[in-house]
Amino acid sequence: MTKVISKNKKSTVNSNPVANKVNSIVSKRFVIRKKLVGQGLIIKYTNYDGKVCDYDHDKVYHENQDRFDGMACFKKYKIYTQSFNLPRFVRDMKSYI
């Protein structure tokens, strides 16, 4: 939607706030869910020390897909969580966001 203000001869663009919103989730734990794959989510996770960690859900899943698909919990429940800290294999990734 474009709104033109004529008395100042300026135009302002008001776009849909939902379209500009970054898809993000605030979580108390590290989580990878099968149903969230492909949605382009950034997950903000606060660890036990209070440090906020942001990670790209899809990037972490795709780089470790074989690991997740091989886990019994992921096969059964389609979810992997860790509440204490980021998993070591994610911390060792050069860039997870």
N, C-alpha and C. Protein backbone atom coordinates (compact mmCIF):
# COMPACT_ATOMS: atom_id res chain seq x y z
N MET A 1 0.84 -1.16 0.00
CA MET A 1 0.00 0.00 0.00
C MET A 1 0.90 1.23 0.00
N THR A 2 0.67 2.15 -0.87
CA THR A 2 1.45 3.37 -0.96
C THR A 2 0.57 4.54 -0.58
N LYS A 3 1.09 5.39 0.27
CA LYS A 3 0.34 6.56 0.71
C LYS A 3 1.12 7.79 0.27
N VAL A 4 0.50 8.67 -0.49
CA VAL A 4 1.15 9.87 -0.99
C VAL A 4 0.61 11.06 -0.22
N ILE A 5 1.51 11.85 0.34
CA ILE A 5 1.14 13.07 1.04
C ILE A 5 1.38 14.22 0.08
N SER A 6 0.32 14.89 -0.33
CA SER A 6 0.45 15.89 -1.38
C SER A 6 0.86 17.26 -0.88
N LYS A 7 0.55 17.65 0.35
CA LYS A 7 0.87 19.01 0.76
C LYS A 7 2.36 19.22 0.98
N ASN A 8 3.13 18.20 1.30
CA ASN A 8 4.57 18.34 1.45
C ASN A 8 5.33 17.86 0.22
N LYS A 9 4.62 17.39 -0.76
CA LYS A 9 5.21 16.85 -1.99
C LYS A 9 6.15 15.68 -1.71
N LYS A 10 5.89 14.97 -0.61
CA LYS A 10 6.68 13.79 -0.27
C LYS A 10 5.80 12.57 -0.34
N SER A 11 6.40 11.48 -0.59
CA SER A 11 5.65 10.23 -0.57
C SER A 11 6.27 9.30 0.46
N THR A 12 5.44 8.61 1.13
CA THR A 12 5.91 7.61 2.07
C THR A 12 5.30 6.28 1.68
N VAL A 13 6.05 5.27 1.87
CA VAL A 13 5.58 3.94 1.54
C VAL A 13 5.28 3.22 2.84
N ASN A 14 4.04 2.85 3.00
CA ASN A 14 3.62 2.05 4.15
C ASN A 14 3.34 0.65 3.66
N SER A 15 4.19 -0.24 4.02
CA SER A 15 3.98 -1.61 3.58
C SER A 15 3.36 -2.42 4.70
N ASN A 16 2.93 -3.58 4.35
CA ASN A 16 2.30 -4.47 5.29
C ASN A 16 3.31 -4.88 6.36
N PRO A 17 3.04 -4.64 7.65
CA PRO A 17 4.02 -5.00 8.68
C PRO A 17 4.25 -6.49 8.79
N VAL A 18 3.29 -7.30 8.39
CA VAL A 18 3.46 -8.75 8.44
C VAL A 18 4.48 -9.20 7.40
N ALA A 19 4.50 -8.56 6.25
CA ALA A 19 5.43 -8.93 5.19
C ALA A 19 6.87 -8.60 5.57
N ASN A 20 7.09 -7.54 6.35
CA ASN A 20 8.44 -7.15 6.74
C ASN A 20 8.92 -7.86 7.99
N LYS A 21 8.06 -8.53 8.68
CA LYS A 21 8.42 -9.18 9.92
C LYS A 21 9.28 -10.41 9.65
N VAL A 22 10.39 -10.50 10.35
CA VAL A 22 11.26 -11.66 10.23
C VAL A 22 10.63 -12.81 11.00
N ASN A 23 10.58 -13.95 10.39
CA ASN A 23 10.00 -15.10 11.07
C ASN A 23 10.95 -15.56 12.15
N SER A 24 10.54 -15.40 13.39
CA SER A 24 11.39 -15.82 14.49
C SER A 24 10.54 -16.39 15.61
N ILE A 25 11.19 -17.22 16.40
CA ILE A 25 10.56 -17.86 17.55
C ILE A 25 11.49 -17.64 18.73
N VAL A 26 10.93 -17.30 19.87
CA VAL A 26 11.70 -17.20 21.11
C VAL A 26 11.45 -18.49 21.87
N SER A 27 12.54 -19.15 22.27
CA SER A 27 12.41 -20.45 22.91
C SER A 27 13.28 -20.52 24.16
N LYS A 28 12.89 -21.39 25.07
CA LYS A 28 13.69 -21.62 26.28
C LYS A 28 14.71 -22.72 26.07
N ARG A 29 14.68 -23.37 24.91
CA ARG A 29 15.59 -24.48 24.64
C ARG A 29 15.93 -24.52 23.15
N PHE A 30 17.05 -25.18 22.85
CA PHE A 30 17.40 -25.43 21.45
C PHE A 30 16.42 -26.46 20.91
N VAL A 31 15.86 -26.20 19.76
CA VAL A 31 14.87 -27.12 19.20
C VAL A 31 15.01 -27.20 17.68
N ILE A 32 14.88 -28.42 17.18
CA ILE A 32 14.77 -28.68 15.75
C ILE A 32 13.51 -29.52 15.56
N ARG A 33 12.57 -29.01 14.78
CA ARG A 33 11.32 -29.72 14.52
C ARG A 33 11.18 -29.97 13.03
N LYS A 34 10.74 -31.16 12.69
CA LYS A 34 10.55 -31.53 11.29
C LYS A 34 9.52 -30.63 10.62
N LYS A 35 8.45 -30.27 11.34
CA LYS A 35 7.39 -29.46 10.72
C LYS A 35 7.79 -28.00 10.52
N LEU A 36 8.89 -27.55 11.13
CA LEU A 36 9.35 -26.17 10.96
C LEU A 36 10.36 -26.02 9.83
N VAL A 37 10.80 -27.13 9.25
CA VAL A 37 11.77 -27.09 8.17
C VAL A 37 11.13 -26.43 6.94
N GLY A 38 11.86 -25.49 6.35
CA GLY A 38 11.38 -24.82 5.15
C GLY A 38 10.63 -23.53 5.42
N GLN A 39 10.47 -23.14 6.67
CA GLN A 39 9.74 -21.92 6.99
C GLN A 39 10.65 -20.71 7.16
N GLY A 40 11.95 -20.90 7.10
CA GLY A 40 12.90 -19.80 7.19
C GLY A 40 12.90 -19.13 8.55
N LEU A 41 12.84 -19.90 9.61
CA LEU A 41 12.76 -19.37 10.97
C LEU A 41 14.13 -19.10 11.57
N ILE A 42 14.21 -18.00 12.30
CA ILE A 42 15.36 -17.71 13.16
C ILE A 42 14.87 -17.94 14.58
N ILE A 43 15.53 -18.82 15.30
CA ILE A 43 15.10 -19.14 16.67
C ILE A 43 16.04 -18.46 17.65
N LYS A 44 15.47 -17.73 18.58
CA LYS A 44 16.22 -17.04 19.63
C LYS A 44 16.10 -17.90 20.89
N TYR A 45 17.22 -18.39 21.34
CA TYR A 45 17.28 -19.33 22.45
C TYR A 45 18.14 -18.73 23.55
N THR A 46 17.65 -18.75 24.77
CA THR A 46 18.41 -18.26 25.92
C THR A 46 18.93 -19.47 26.70
N ASN A 47 20.25 -19.59 26.85
CA ASN A 47 20.81 -20.75 27.53
C ASN A 47 20.82 -20.55 29.04
N TYR A 48 21.38 -21.47 29.76
CA TYR A 48 21.35 -21.46 31.22
C TYR A 48 22.11 -20.27 31.82
N ASP A 49 23.09 -19.71 31.10
CA ASP A 49 23.85 -18.55 31.56
C ASP A 49 23.15 -17.24 31.25
N GLY A 50 22.05 -17.28 30.54
CA GLY A 50 21.35 -16.07 30.13
C GLY A 50 21.83 -15.51 28.81
N LYS A 51 22.74 -16.20 28.14
CA LYS A 51 23.25 -15.77 26.85
C LYS A 51 22.23 -16.11 25.77
N VAL A 52 21.91 -15.14 24.93
CA VAL A 52 20.95 -15.36 23.85
C VAL A 52 21.70 -15.86 22.62
N CYS A 53 21.25 -16.96 22.09
CA CYS A 53 21.83 -17.54 20.88
C CYS A 53 20.76 -17.54 19.80
N ASP A 54 21.09 -17.01 18.65
CA ASP A 54 20.19 -17.03 17.51
C ASP A 54 20.73 -18.05 16.51
N TYR A 55 19.83 -18.85 15.96
CA TYR A 55 20.26 -19.79 14.93
C TYR A 55 19.19 -19.94 13.88
N ASP A 56 19.64 -20.21 12.67
CA ASP A 56 18.75 -20.44 11.54
C ASP A 56 18.34 -21.90 11.57
N HIS A 57 17.08 -22.14 11.82
CA HIS A 57 16.55 -23.50 11.98
C HIS A 57 16.85 -24.35 10.74
N ASP A 58 16.58 -23.81 9.56
CA ASP A 58 16.77 -24.59 8.33
C ASP A 58 18.24 -24.89 8.07
N LYS A 59 19.11 -23.92 8.32
CA LYS A 59 20.55 -24.11 8.08
C LYS A 59 21.10 -25.21 8.99
N VAL A 60 20.73 -25.16 10.27
CA VAL A 60 21.20 -26.17 11.21
C VAL A 60 20.66 -27.55 10.83
N TYR A 61 19.39 -27.60 10.45
CA TYR A 61 18.81 -28.90 10.07
C TYR A 61 19.47 -29.46 8.82
N HIS A 62 19.60 -28.65 7.78
CA HIS A 62 20.15 -29.17 6.52
C HIS A 62 21.62 -29.57 6.63
N GLU A 63 22.40 -28.85 7.43
CA GLU A 63 23.81 -29.23 7.58
C GLU A 63 23.99 -30.47 8.44
N ASN A 64 22.99 -30.80 9.25
CA ASN A 64 23.08 -31.98 10.13
C ASN A 64 21.91 -32.94 9.90
N GLN A 65 21.37 -32.96 8.71
CA GLN A 65 20.18 -33.75 8.42
C GLN A 65 20.39 -35.24 8.67
N ASP A 66 21.53 -35.77 8.28
CA ASP A 66 21.80 -37.19 8.51
C ASP A 66 21.83 -37.51 9.99
N ARG A 67 22.40 -36.63 10.78
CA ARG A 67 22.46 -36.82 12.23
C ARG A 67 21.05 -36.84 12.82
N PHE A 68 20.23 -35.85 12.46
CA PHE A 68 18.87 -35.78 13.01
C PHE A 68 18.02 -36.96 12.55
N ASP A 69 18.09 -37.28 11.27
CA ASP A 69 17.28 -38.38 10.75
C ASP A 69 17.68 -39.73 11.32
N GLY A 70 18.90 -39.84 11.84
CA GLY A 70 19.35 -41.09 12.44
C GLY A 70 19.00 -41.23 13.92
N MET A 71 18.54 -40.17 14.54
CA MET A 71 18.21 -40.21 15.98
C MET A 71 16.86 -40.88 16.19
N ALA A 72 16.81 -41.74 17.20
CA ALA A 72 15.56 -42.45 17.51
C ALA A 72 14.46 -41.47 17.92
N CYS A 73 14.80 -40.46 18.70
CA CYS A 73 13.79 -39.49 19.14
C CYS A 73 13.23 -38.70 17.96
N PHE A 74 14.09 -38.39 17.00
CA PHE A 74 13.64 -37.62 15.84
C PHE A 74 12.78 -38.48 14.93
N LYS A 75 13.12 -39.76 14.82
CA LYS A 75 12.29 -40.67 14.01
C LYS A 75 10.90 -40.83 14.61
N LYS A 76 10.85 -40.94 15.94
CA LYS A 76 9.58 -41.21 16.60
C LYS A 76 8.73 -39.95 16.78
N TYR A 77 9.34 -38.86 17.28
CA TYR A 77 8.59 -37.66 17.64
C TYR A 77 8.75 -36.50 16.66
N LYS A 78 9.69 -36.60 15.70
CA LYS A 78 9.96 -35.54 14.72
C LYS A 78 10.43 -34.24 15.38
N ILE A 79 11.14 -34.37 16.52
CA ILE A 79 11.64 -33.20 17.24
C ILE A 79 12.91 -33.57 18.00
N TYR A 80 13.83 -32.62 18.07
CA TYR A 80 15.05 -32.78 18.87
C TYR A 80 15.20 -31.51 19.70
N THR A 81 15.37 -31.66 21.02
CA THR A 81 15.56 -30.50 21.89
C THR A 81 16.75 -30.73 22.80
N GLN A 82 17.31 -29.61 23.23
CA GLN A 82 18.35 -29.63 24.26
C GLN A 82 18.16 -28.36 25.07
N SER A 83 17.98 -28.51 26.38
CA SER A 83 17.62 -27.36 27.19
C SER A 83 18.80 -26.67 27.86
N PHE A 84 19.92 -27.31 28.02
CA PHE A 84 21.01 -26.75 28.79
C PHE A 84 21.86 -25.77 28.00
N ASN A 85 22.25 -26.13 26.79
CA ASN A 85 23.11 -25.30 25.96
C ASN A 85 22.94 -25.73 24.51
N LEU A 86 23.55 -25.00 23.59
CA LEU A 86 23.55 -25.45 22.20
C LEU A 86 24.31 -26.76 22.10
N PRO A 87 23.84 -27.69 21.29
CA PRO A 87 24.60 -28.93 21.12
C PRO A 87 25.99 -28.64 20.57
N ARG A 88 26.95 -29.49 20.91
CA ARG A 88 28.33 -29.28 20.48
C ARG A 88 28.46 -29.22 18.97
N PHE A 89 27.71 -30.06 18.26
CA PHE A 89 27.83 -30.06 16.81
C PHE A 89 27.30 -28.76 16.20
N VAL A 90 26.43 -28.04 16.90
CA VAL A 90 25.97 -26.74 16.42
C VAL A 90 26.99 -25.67 16.80
N ARG A 91 27.53 -25.75 17.99
CA ARG A 91 28.56 -24.79 18.41
C ARG A 91 29.78 -24.87 17.51
N ASP A 92 30.09 -26.06 17.00
CA ASP A 92 31.25 -26.26 16.15
C ASP A 92 31.02 -25.79 14.70
N MET A 93 29.75 -25.51 14.36
CA MET A 93 29.46 -25.00 13.02
C MET A 93 30.07 -23.61 12.90
N LYS A 94 30.65 -23.32 11.75
CA LYS A 94 31.29 -22.03 11.55
C LYS A 94 30.27 -20.89 11.62
N SER A 95 29.11 -21.12 11.07
CA SER A 95 28.07 -20.09 11.05
C SER A 95 26.72 -20.78 11.16
N TYR A 96 26.03 -20.53 12.24
CA TYR A 96 24.71 -21.15 12.38
C TYR A 96 23.60 -20.13 12.27
N ILE A 97 23.94 -18.90 11.93
CA ILE A 97 22.91 -17.91 11.64
C ILE A 97 23.29 -17.12 10.40
